[in-house]
Amino acid sequence: SAESNMCDLLRINTDRGVMIGDGKSRFSIGGKPIYHFVGTSTFSEYTVMHVGCVAKINPEAPLDKVCVLSCGISTGLGASINVAKPPKGSTVAIFGLGAVGLAAAEGARIAGASRIIGVDLNASRFEEARKFGCTEFVNPKDHTKPVQQVLADMTNGGVDRSVECTGNVNAMIQAFECVHDGWGVAVLVGVPHKDAEFKTHPMNFLNERNLKGTFFGNFKPRTDLPNVVEMYMKKELEVEKFITHSVPFSEINKAFDLMAKG
């Protein structure tokens, strides 16, 4: 379908944990099932996958690099390139400068945005984010005004595009309310708490602001992931700069500790 990548068969169901065909797990230990993680179970040396989860990529691509394209980078990159679609010379705000947010900044840079404003509570991320195209930074803790007002003041009424990559519902509302009326587009990428509610004044819509959501950056994994790998192979996309540490499988918990520390 040209309309969407939200395939009924494979849309991510974090509660499923079993194969679609027979409703069973392919792994067990001591007779007890070990459940699959979102249909893939890639934290294992060998795995069994539904054919819909398998994409054939360039055999020359280094797997220890392109593995990071399978979720975070593609999601952020696609949120900018496929969904926000910032015009050349436009202004983009990125909320959250983790891997997904940095990929969204990279997408905005590739699309030709002239100002890319990173918004994050962790100021230590700002210097690194310059490598991904960020030109300015806002730390909400440094301001008494709401962030959406700070951004509107910086940009003569609001940014052209915003991409929210935190999963915090307040940041989602700020990302929507900071875009310019008449044409601004906000894209929500982060996954909110299950009880979160998005509240904004209807006038924000009547003033022709647009709110969009995205799943996996609107990429269709089987057909589009090979193209993202080709972007890397042609040096249009630098994957190496997204990788801060390489940890052996035996020390996987150390990797989670590093992630938790930001």
C-alpha atoms as a PDB file:
ATOM      1  CA  SER A   1       0.000   0.000   0.000  1.00  0.00           C
ATOM      2  CA  ALA A   2       1.229   3.463  -0.851  1.00  0.00           C
ATOM      3  CA  GLU A   3      -0.847   4.761   2.067  1.00  0.00           C
ATOM      4  CA  SER A   4       1.012   3.288   5.021  1.00  0.00           C
ATOM      5  CA  ASN A   5       3.637   0.969   6.429  1.00  0.00           C
ATOM      6  CA  MET A   6       1.306  -0.138   9.245  1.00  0.00           C
ATOM      7  CA  CYS A   7       0.962  -3.751   8.163  1.00  0.00           C
ATOM      8  CA  ASP A   8      -1.734  -5.643  10.091  1.00  0.00           C
ATOM      9  CA  LEU A   9       0.330  -8.815  10.144  1.00  0.00           C
ATOM     10  CA  LEU A  10       3.509  -7.323  11.548  1.00  0.00           C
ATOM     11  CA  ARG A  11       2.708  -4.087  13.350  1.00  0.00           C
ATOM     12  CA  ILE A  12       4.665  -4.193  16.557  1.00  0.00           C
ATOM     13  CA  ASN A  13       2.804  -5.837  19.389  1.00  0.00           C
ATOM     14  CA  THR A  14       5.039  -5.778  22.439  1.00  0.00           C
ATOM     15  CA  ASP A  15       2.734  -8.153  24.324  1.00  0.00           C
ATOM     16  CA  ARG A  16       2.704 -10.911  21.733  1.00  0.00           C
ATOM     17  CA  GLY A  17       6.035 -12.650  22.306  1.00  0.00           C
ATOM     18  CA  VAL A  18       5.172 -15.651  20.134  1.00  0.00           C
ATOM     19  CA  MET A  19       5.243 -16.554  16.440  1.00  0.00           C
ATOM     20  CA  ILE A  20       2.187 -15.512  14.431  1.00  0.00           C
ATOM     21  CA  GLY A  21       1.769 -18.885  12.703  1.00  0.00           C
ATOM     22  CA  ASP A  22       1.184 -21.149  15.687  1.00  0.00           C
ATOM     23  CA  GLY A  23       1.128 -18.812  18.686  1.00  0.00           C
ATOM     24  CA  LYS A  24       4.190 -20.508  20.201  1.00  0.00           C
ATOM     25  CA  SER A  25       7.700 -19.419  21.126  1.00  0.00           C
ATOM     26  CA  ARG A  26      10.728 -20.868  19.303  1.00  0.00           C
ATOM     27  CA  PHE A  27      12.940 -20.753  22.401  1.00  0.00           C
ATOM     28  CA  SER A  28      12.800 -22.539  25.730  1.00  0.00           C
ATOM     29  CA  ILE A  29      14.959 -23.290  28.721  1.00  0.00           C
ATOM     30  CA  GLY A  30      14.288 -26.141  31.120  1.00  0.00           C
ATOM     31  CA  GLY A  31      10.987 -26.815  29.352  1.00  0.00           C
ATOM     32  CA  LYS A  32       9.719 -23.258  29.890  1.00  0.00           C
ATOM     33  CA  PRO A  33       9.188 -20.916  26.915  1.00  0.00           C
ATOM     34  CA  ILE A  34      11.386 -17.835  26.413  1.00  0.00           C
ATOM     35  CA  TYR A  35       9.280 -15.251  24.619  1.00  0.00           C
ATOM     36  CA  HIS A  36      10.273 -13.261  21.537  1.00  0.00           C
ATOM     37  CA  PHE A  37      10.878  -9.521  21.755  1.00  0.00           C
ATOM     38  CA  VAL A  38       8.625  -7.590  19.321  1.00  0.00           C
ATOM     39  CA  GLY A  39       8.640 -10.472  16.894  1.00  0.00           C
ATOM     40  CA  THR A  40      12.398 -10.579  16.294  1.00  0.00           C
ATOM     41  CA  SER A  41      14.454 -11.653  19.366  1.00  0.00           C
ATOM     42  CA  THR A  42      17.714 -10.293  18.017  1.00  0.00           C
ATOM     43  CA  PHE A  43      19.556 -10.404  21.359  1.00  0.00           C
ATOM     44  CA  SER A  44      20.452 -14.018  20.652  1.00  0.00           C
ATOM     45  CA  GLU A  45      23.084 -15.748  18.547  1.00  0.00           C
ATOM     46  CA  TYR A  46      20.422 -17.497  16.473  1.00  0.00           C
ATOM     47  CA  THR A  47      16.798 -16.582  16.010  1.00  0.00           C
ATOM     48  CA  VAL A  48      13.659 -17.613  14.153  1.00  0.00           C
ATOM     49  CA  MET A  49      11.811 -14.801  12.402  1.00  0.00           C
ATOM     50  CA  HIS A  50       8.647 -14.292  10.464  1.00  0.00           C
ATOM     51  CA  VAL A  51       9.516 -13.830   6.791  1.00  0.00           C
ATOM     52  CA  GLY A  52       7.957 -10.343   6.916  1.00  0.00           C
ATOM     53  CA  CYS A  53      10.673  -9.250   9.374  1.00  0.00           C
ATOM     54  CA  VAL A  54      13.548 -10.198   7.054  1.00  0.00           C
ATOM     55  CA  ALA A  55      15.050  -7.649   4.669  1.00  0.00           C
ATOM     56  CA  LYS A  56      17.753  -8.541   2.154  1.00  0.00           C
ATOM     57  CA  ILE A  57      20.496  -5.898   2.130  1.00  0.00           C
ATOM     58  CA  ASN A  58      23.744  -5.288   0.262  1.00  0.00           C
ATOM     59  CA  PRO A  59      26.013  -8.237   1.220  1.00  0.00           C
ATOM     60  CA  GLU A  60      29.015  -5.895   1.358  1.00  0.00           C
ATOM     61  CA  ALA A  61      27.485  -3.769   4.135  1.00  0.00           C
ATOM     62  CA  PRO A  62      29.291  -4.300   7.484  1.00  0.00           C
ATOM     63  CA  LEU A  63      26.744  -5.885   9.816  1.00  0.00           C
ATOM     64  CA  ASP A  64      28.371  -4.459  12.952  1.00  0.00           C
ATOM     65  CA  LYS A  65      27.500  -0.979  11.625  1.00  0.00           C
ATOM     66  CA  VAL A  66      24.254  -1.322   9.693  1.00  0.00           C
ATOM     67  CA  CYS A  67      22.570  -3.236  12.540  1.00  0.00           C
ATOM     68  CA  VAL A  68      21.847   0.150  14.137  1.00  0.00           C
ATOM     69  CA  LEU A  69      19.649   1.078  11.158  1.00  0.00           C
ATOM     70  CA  SER A  70      17.015  -1.484  12.141  1.00  0.00           C
ATOM     71  CA  CYS A  71      15.250   0.794  14.631  1.00  0.00           C
ATOM     72  CA  GLY A  72      16.390   4.113  16.087  1.00  0.00           C
ATOM     73  CA  ILE A  73      18.286   5.684  13.203  1.00  0.00           C
ATOM     74  CA  SER A  74      15.753   4.735  10.531  1.00  0.00           C
ATOM     75  CA  THR A  75      12.898   5.946  12.723  1.00  0.00           C
ATOM     76  CA  GLY A  76      14.389   9.413  13.306  1.00  0.00           C
ATOM     77  CA  LEU A  77      15.738   9.773   9.772  1.00  0.00           C
ATOM     78  CA  GLY A  78      12.397   8.807   8.238  1.00  0.00           C
ATOM     79  CA  ALA A  79      10.445  11.052  10.613  1.00  0.00           C
ATOM     80  CA  SER A  80      12.296  14.004   9.073  1.00  0.00           C
ATOM     81  CA  ILE A  81      12.722  12.919   5.446  1.00  0.00           C
ATOM     82  CA  ASN A  82       9.448  11.018   4.907  1.00  0.00           C
ATOM     83  CA  VAL A  83       7.014  12.731   7.273  1.00  0.00           C
ATOM     84  CA  ALA A  84       8.102  16.244   8.326  1.00  0.00           C
ATOM     85  CA  LYS A  85       9.660  16.885   4.869  1.00  0.00           C
ATOM     86  CA  PRO A  86      11.321  20.199   5.793  1.00  0.00           C
ATOM     87  CA  PRO A  87      11.749  22.446   2.727  1.00  0.00           C
ATOM     88  CA  LYS A  88      15.258  23.685   1.902  1.00  0.00           C
ATOM     89  CA  GLY A  89      16.186  26.633   4.100  1.00  0.00           C
ATOM     90  CA  SER A  90      13.513  25.878   6.706  1.00  0.00           C
ATOM     91  CA  THR A  91      13.732  25.844  10.503  1.00  0.00           C
ATOM     92  CA  VAL A  92      13.350  22.572  12.415  1.00  0.00           C
ATOM     93  CA  ALA A  93      13.143  21.891  16.168  1.00  0.00           C
ATOM     94  CA  ILE A  94      14.173  18.452  17.465  1.00  0.00           C
ATOM     95  CA  PHE A  95      12.905  17.478  20.919  1.00  0.00           C
ATOM     96  CA  GLY A  96      15.220  14.913  22.550  1.00  0.00           C
ATOM     97  CA  LEU A  97      18.799  14.334  21.385  1.00  0.00           C
ATOM     98  CA  GLY A  98      19.168  10.614  21.897  1.00  0.00           C
ATOM     99  CA  ALA A  99      19.854   8.302  18.943  1.00  0.00           C
ATOM    100  CA  VAL A 100      16.402   8.859  17.407  1.00  0.00           C
ATOM    101  CA  GLY A 101      16.563  12.650  17.827  1.00  0.00           C
ATOM    102  CA  LEU A 102      20.074  12.841  16.389  1.00  0.00           C
ATOM    103  CA  ALA A 103      18.878  10.799  13.402  1.00  0.00           C
ATOM    104  CA  ALA A 104      15.976  13.233  12.983  1.00  0.00           C
ATOM    105  CA  ALA A 105      18.490  16.115  13.017  1.00  0.00           C
ATOM    106  CA  GLU A 106      20.572  14.253  10.428  1.00  0.00           C
ATOM    107  CA  GLY A 107      17.451  13.860   8.275  1.00  0.00           C
ATOM    108  CA  ALA A 108      16.691  17.575   8.552  1.00  0.00           C
ATOM    109  CA  ARG A 109      20.307  18.356   7.577  1.00  0.00           C
ATOM    110  CA  ILE A 110      20.123  16.030   4.551  1.00  0.00           C
ATOM    111  CA  ALA A 111      16.816  17.674   3.537  1.00  0.00           C
ATOM    112  CA  GLY A 112      18.513  21.090   3.559  1.00  0.00           C
ATOM    113  CA  ALA A 113      17.087  22.777   6.674  1.00  0.00           C
ATOM    114  CA  SER A 114      19.047  25.929   7.540  1.00  0.00           C
ATOM    115  CA  ARG A 115      18.333  26.084  11.293  1.00  0.00           C
ATOM    116  CA  ILE A 116      18.084  22.936  13.389  1.00  0.00           C
ATOM    117  CA  ILE A 117      17.313  23.664  17.034  1.00  0.00           C
ATOM    118  CA  GLY A 118      17.956  20.856  19.507  1.00  0.00           C
ATOM    119  CA  VAL A 119      15.842  20.787  22.678  1.00  0.00           C
ATOM    120  CA  ASP A 120      17.048  18.621  25.568  1.00  0.00           C
ATOM    121  CA  LEU A 121      17.289  18.742  29.364  1.00  0.00           C
ATOM    122  CA  ASN A 122      20.783  17.211  29.191  1.00  0.00           C
ATOM    123  CA  ALA A 123      23.161  20.006  28.108  1.00  0.00           C
ATOM    124  CA  SER A 124      26.075  17.564  27.782  1.00  0.00           C
ATOM    125  CA  ARG A 125      24.464  16.293  24.566  1.00  0.00           C
ATOM    126  CA  PHE A 126      24.640  19.636  22.783  1.00  0.00           C
ATOM    127  CA  GLU A 127      28.248  19.531  21.568  1.00  0.00           C
ATOM    128  CA  GLU A 128      27.848  16.032  20.113  1.00  0.00           C
ATOM    129  CA  ALA A 129      24.619  17.076  18.376  1.00  0.00           C
ATOM    130  CA  ARG A 130      26.488  19.623  16.238  1.00  0.00           C
ATOM    131  CA  LYS A 131      27.944  16.687  14.264  1.00  0.00           C
ATOM    132  CA  PHE A 132      24.378  15.803  13.257  1.00  0.00           C
ATOM    133  CA  GLY A 133      23.434  19.227  11.951  1.00  0.00           C
ATOM    134  CA  CYS A 134      22.110  20.991  15.067  1.00  0.00           C
ATOM    135  CA  THR A 135      22.892  24.708  14.853  1.00  0.00           C
ATOM    136  CA  GLU A 136      21.312  25.952  18.109  1.00  0.00           C
ATOM    137  CA  PHE A 137      20.182  24.535  21.425  1.00  0.00           C
ATOM    138  CA  VAL A 138      17.500  25.158  24.013  1.00  0.00           C
ATOM    139  CA  ASN A 139      17.553  23.661  27.496  1.00  0.00           C
ATOM    140  CA  PRO A 140      14.051  24.106  28.979  1.00  0.00           C
ATOM    141  CA  LYS A 141      15.625  24.338  32.456  1.00  0.00           C
ATOM    142  CA  ASP A 142      17.319  27.623  31.430  1.00  0.00           C
ATOM    143  CA  HIS A 143      14.010  29.421  30.780  1.00  0.00           C
ATOM    144  CA  THR A 144      11.045  30.598  32.812  1.00  0.00           C
ATOM    145  CA  LYS A 145       8.803  30.791  29.718  1.00  0.00           C
ATOM    146  CA  PRO A 146       7.300  27.623  28.198  1.00  0.00           C
ATOM    147  CA  VAL A 147       9.625  26.101  25.572  1.00  0.00           C
ATOM    148  CA  GLN A 148       7.101  26.631  22.784  1.00  0.00           C
ATOM    149  CA  GLN A 149       7.179  30.370  23.540  1.00  0.00           C
ATOM    150  CA  VAL A 150      10.991  30.418  23.648  1.00  0.00           C
ATOM    151  CA  LEU A 151      11.104  28.759  20.207  1.00  0.00           C
ATOM    152  CA  ALA A 152       8.434  31.086  18.790  1.00  0.00           C
ATOM    153  CA  ASP A 153      10.448  34.089  19.993  1.00  0.00           C
ATOM    154  CA  MET A 154      13.627  32.706  18.389  1.00  0.00           C
ATOM    155  CA  THR A 155      11.973  32.029  15.027  1.00  0.00           C
ATOM    156  CA  ASN A 156       9.578  34.907  14.400  1.00  0.00           C
ATOM    157  CA  GLY A 157       6.415  33.047  15.312  1.00  0.00           C
ATOM    158  CA  GLY A 158       7.392  29.397  15.301  1.00  0.00           C
ATOM    159  CA  VAL A 159       9.453  26.739  13.549  1.00  0.00           C
ATOM    160  CA  ASP A 160       8.466  25.290  10.176  1.00  0.00           C
ATOM    161  CA  ARG A 161       8.791  21.690  11.387  1.00  0.00           C
ATOM    162  CA  SER A 162       9.281  19.941  14.720  1.00  0.00           C
ATOM    163  CA  VAL A 163      10.098  16.311  15.482  1.00  0.00           C
ATOM    164  CA  GLU A 164       9.432  14.956  18.980  1.00  0.00           C
ATOM    165  CA  CYS A 165      11.704  12.070  20.037  1.00  0.00           C
ATOM    166  CA  THR A 166      11.299  11.807  23.813  1.00  0.00           C
ATOM    167  CA  GLY A 167       8.011  10.006  24.466  1.00  0.00           C
ATOM    168  CA  ASN A 168       7.194  12.628  27.116  1.00  0.00           C
ATOM    169  CA  VAL A 169       3.659  13.871  26.508  1.00  0.00           C
ATOM    170  CA  ASN A 170       4.522  17.420  27.636  1.00  0.00           C
ATOM    171  CA  ALA A 171       7.297  17.533  25.038  1.00  0.00           C
ATOM    172  CA  MET A 172       4.775  16.312  22.455  1.00  0.00           C
ATOM    173  CA  ILE A 173       2.440  19.198  23.268  1.00  0.00           C
ATOM    174  CA  GLN A 174       5.368  21.663  23.180  1.00  0.00           C
ATOM    175  CA  ALA A 175       6.516  20.268  19.813  1.00  0.00           C
ATOM    176  CA  PHE A 176       3.047  20.829  18.357  1.00  0.00           C
ATOM    177  CA  GLU A 177       2.522  24.274  19.854  1.00  0.00           C
ATOM    178  CA  CYS A 178       5.952  25.573  18.739  1.00  0.00           C
ATOM    179  CA  VAL A 179       5.278  25.204  14.998  1.00  0.00           C
ATOM    180  CA  HIS A 180       4.243  28.227  12.948  1.00  0.00           C
ATOM    181  CA  ASP A 181       0.560  28.706  12.241  1.00  0.00           C
ATOM    182  CA  GLY A 182      -0.484  28.465   8.601  1.00  0.00           C
ATOM    183  CA  TRP A 183       1.958  25.726   7.612  1.00  0.00           C
ATOM    184  CA  GLY A 184       3.855  24.286  10.594  1.00  0.00           C
ATOM    185  CA  VAL A 185       4.084  20.493  10.868  1.00  0.00           C
ATOM    186  CA  ALA A 186       4.855  18.622  14.106  1.00  0.00           C
ATOM    187  CA  VAL A 187       5.763  14.926  13.960  1.00  0.00           C
ATOM    188  CA  LEU A 188       5.432  12.685  17.013  1.00  0.00           C
ATOM    189  CA  VAL A 189       7.937   9.823  17.161  1.00  0.00           C
ATOM    190  CA  GLY A 190       8.380   8.994  20.870  1.00  0.00           C
ATOM    191  CA  VAL A 191       6.192   6.345  22.509  1.00  0.00           C
ATOM    192  CA  PRO A 192       4.199   7.859  25.405  1.00  0.00           C
ATOM    193  CA  HIS A 193       3.170   6.335  28.720  1.00  0.00           C
ATOM    194  CA  LYS A 194       0.027   4.254  28.223  1.00  0.00           C
ATOM    195  CA  ASP A 195      -2.085   6.621  30.346  1.00  0.00           C
ATOM    196  CA  ALA A 196      -0.744   9.828  28.765  1.00  0.00           C
ATOM    197  CA  GLU A 197      -3.193  12.290  27.200  1.00  0.00           C
ATOM    198  CA  PHE A 198      -2.390  14.918  24.602  1.00  0.00           C
ATOM    199  CA  LYS A 199      -4.145  18.225  25.346  1.00  0.00           C
ATOM    200  CA  THR A 200      -4.027  21.391  23.272  1.00  0.00           C
ATOM    201  CA  HIS A 201      -6.439  24.159  22.328  1.00  0.00           C
ATOM    202  CA  PRO A 202      -8.438  23.407  19.139  1.00  0.00           C
ATOM    203  CA  MET A 203      -7.482  26.875  17.810  1.00  0.00           C
ATOM    204  CA  ASN A 204      -4.000  25.449  17.218  1.00  0.00           C
ATOM    205  CA  PHE A 205      -5.545  23.240  14.536  1.00  0.00           C
ATOM    206  CA  LEU A 206      -7.913  25.905  13.216  1.00  0.00           C
ATOM    207  CA  ASN A 207      -4.836  28.125  12.757  1.00  0.00           C
ATOM    208  CA  GLU A 208      -3.586  25.484  10.306  1.00  0.00           C
ATOM    209  CA  ARG A 209      -0.915  23.781  12.351  1.00  0.00           C
ATOM    210  CA  ASN A 210      -0.495  20.124  11.421  1.00  0.00           C
ATOM    211  CA  LEU A 211       0.123  17.189  13.756  1.00  0.00           C
ATOM    212  CA  LYS A 212       1.408  13.885  12.406  1.00  0.00           C
ATOM    213  CA  GLY A 213       2.471  10.595  13.903  1.00  0.00           C
ATOM    214  CA  THR A 214       4.916   8.076  12.522  1.00  0.00           C
ATOM    215  CA  PHE A 215       5.850   4.459  13.026  1.00  0.00           C
ATOM    216  CA  PHE A 216       9.410   3.491  12.025  1.00  0.00           C
ATOM    217  CA  GLY A 217       9.765   6.796  10.158  1.00  0.00           C
ATOM    218  CA  ASN A 218       7.146   5.642   7.611  1.00  0.00           C
ATOM    219  CA  PHE A 219       9.739   3.303   6.119  1.00  0.00           C
ATOM    220  CA  LYS A 220       8.486  -0.056   4.849  1.00  0.00           C
ATOM    221  CA  PRO A 221      11.178  -2.325   6.296  1.00  0.00           C
ATOM    222  CA  ARG A 222      11.438  -4.954   3.562  1.00  0.00           C
ATOM    223  CA  THR A 223      11.584  -2.535   0.650  1.00  0.00           C
ATOM    224  CA  ASP A 224      13.010   0.623   2.244  1.00  0.00           C
ATOM    225  CA  LEU A 225      15.686  -0.650   4.661  1.00  0.00           C
ATOM    226  CA  PRO A 226      17.895  -1.861   1.798  1.00  0.00           C
ATOM    227  CA  ASN A 227      17.744   1.720   0.414  1.00  0.00           C
ATOM    228  CA  VAL A 228      18.795   3.194   3.777  1.00  0.00           C
ATOM    229  CA  VAL A 229      21.745   0.764   3.774  1.00  0.00           C
ATOM    230  CA  GLU A 230      22.622   2.045   0.288  1.00  0.00           C
ATOM    231  CA  MET A 231      22.588   5.633   1.617  1.00  0.00           C
ATOM    232  CA  TYR A 232      25.262   4.481   4.091  1.00  0.00           C
ATOM    233  CA  MET A 233      27.260   2.634   1.421  1.00  0.00           C
ATOM    234  CA  LYS A 234      27.261   5.785  -0.752  1.00  0.00           C
ATOM    235  CA  LYS A 235      28.436   7.860   2.259  1.00  0.00           C
ATOM    236  CA  GLU A 236      25.244   9.955   2.182  1.00  0.00           C
ATOM    237  CA  LEU A 237      24.533   8.796   5.739  1.00  0.00           C
ATOM    238  CA  GLU A 238      27.266   8.418   8.365  1.00  0.00           C
ATOM    239  CA  VAL A 239      26.350   5.557  10.651  1.00  0.00           C
ATOM    240  CA  GLU A 240      29.661   5.450  12.559  1.00  0.00           C
ATOM    241  CA  LYS A 241      29.009   8.720  14.376  1.00  0.00           C
ATOM    242  CA  PHE A 242      25.924   7.199  16.006  1.00  0.00           C
ATOM    243  CA  ILE A 243      27.998   4.455  17.649  1.00  0.00           C
ATOM    244  CA  THR A 244      29.620   5.480  20.938  1.00  0.00           C
ATOM    245  CA  HIS A 245      30.509   2.040  22.343  1.00  0.00           C
ATOM    246  CA  SER A 246      30.874  -1.501  21.028  1.00  0.00           C
ATOM    247  CA  VAL A 247      30.165  -4.077  23.724  1.00  0.00           C
ATOM    248  CA  PRO A 248      30.489  -7.870  23.366  1.00  0.00           C
ATOM    249  CA  PHE A 249      27.300  -9.876  23.685  1.00  0.00           C
ATOM    250  CA  SER A 250      28.530 -11.350  26.992  1.00  0.00           C
ATOM    251  CA  GLU A 251      28.502  -7.815  28.486  1.00  0.00           C
ATOM    252  CA  ILE A 252      25.052  -6.815  27.228  1.00  0.00           C
ATOM    253  CA  ASN A 253      24.049  -5.540  30.702  1.00  0.00           C
ATOM    254  CA  LYS A 254      26.932  -3.058  30.549  1.00  0.00           C
ATOM    255  CA  ALA A 255      25.366  -1.682  27.348  1.00  0.00           C
ATOM    256  CA  PHE A 256      22.050  -1.146  29.144  1.00  0.00           C
ATOM    257  CA  ASP A 257      23.906   0.602  31.984  1.00  0.00           C
ATOM    258  CA  LEU A 258      25.585   2.942  29.474  1.00  0.00           C
ATOM    259  CA  MET A 259      22.215   3.677  27.869  1.00  0.00           C
ATOM    260  CA  ALA A 260      20.586   4.389  31.252  1.00  0.00           C
ATOM    261  CA  LYS A 261      23.364   6.888  32.027  1.00  0.00           C
ATOM    262  CA  GLY A 262      22.589   8.730  28.785  1.00  0.00           C
END
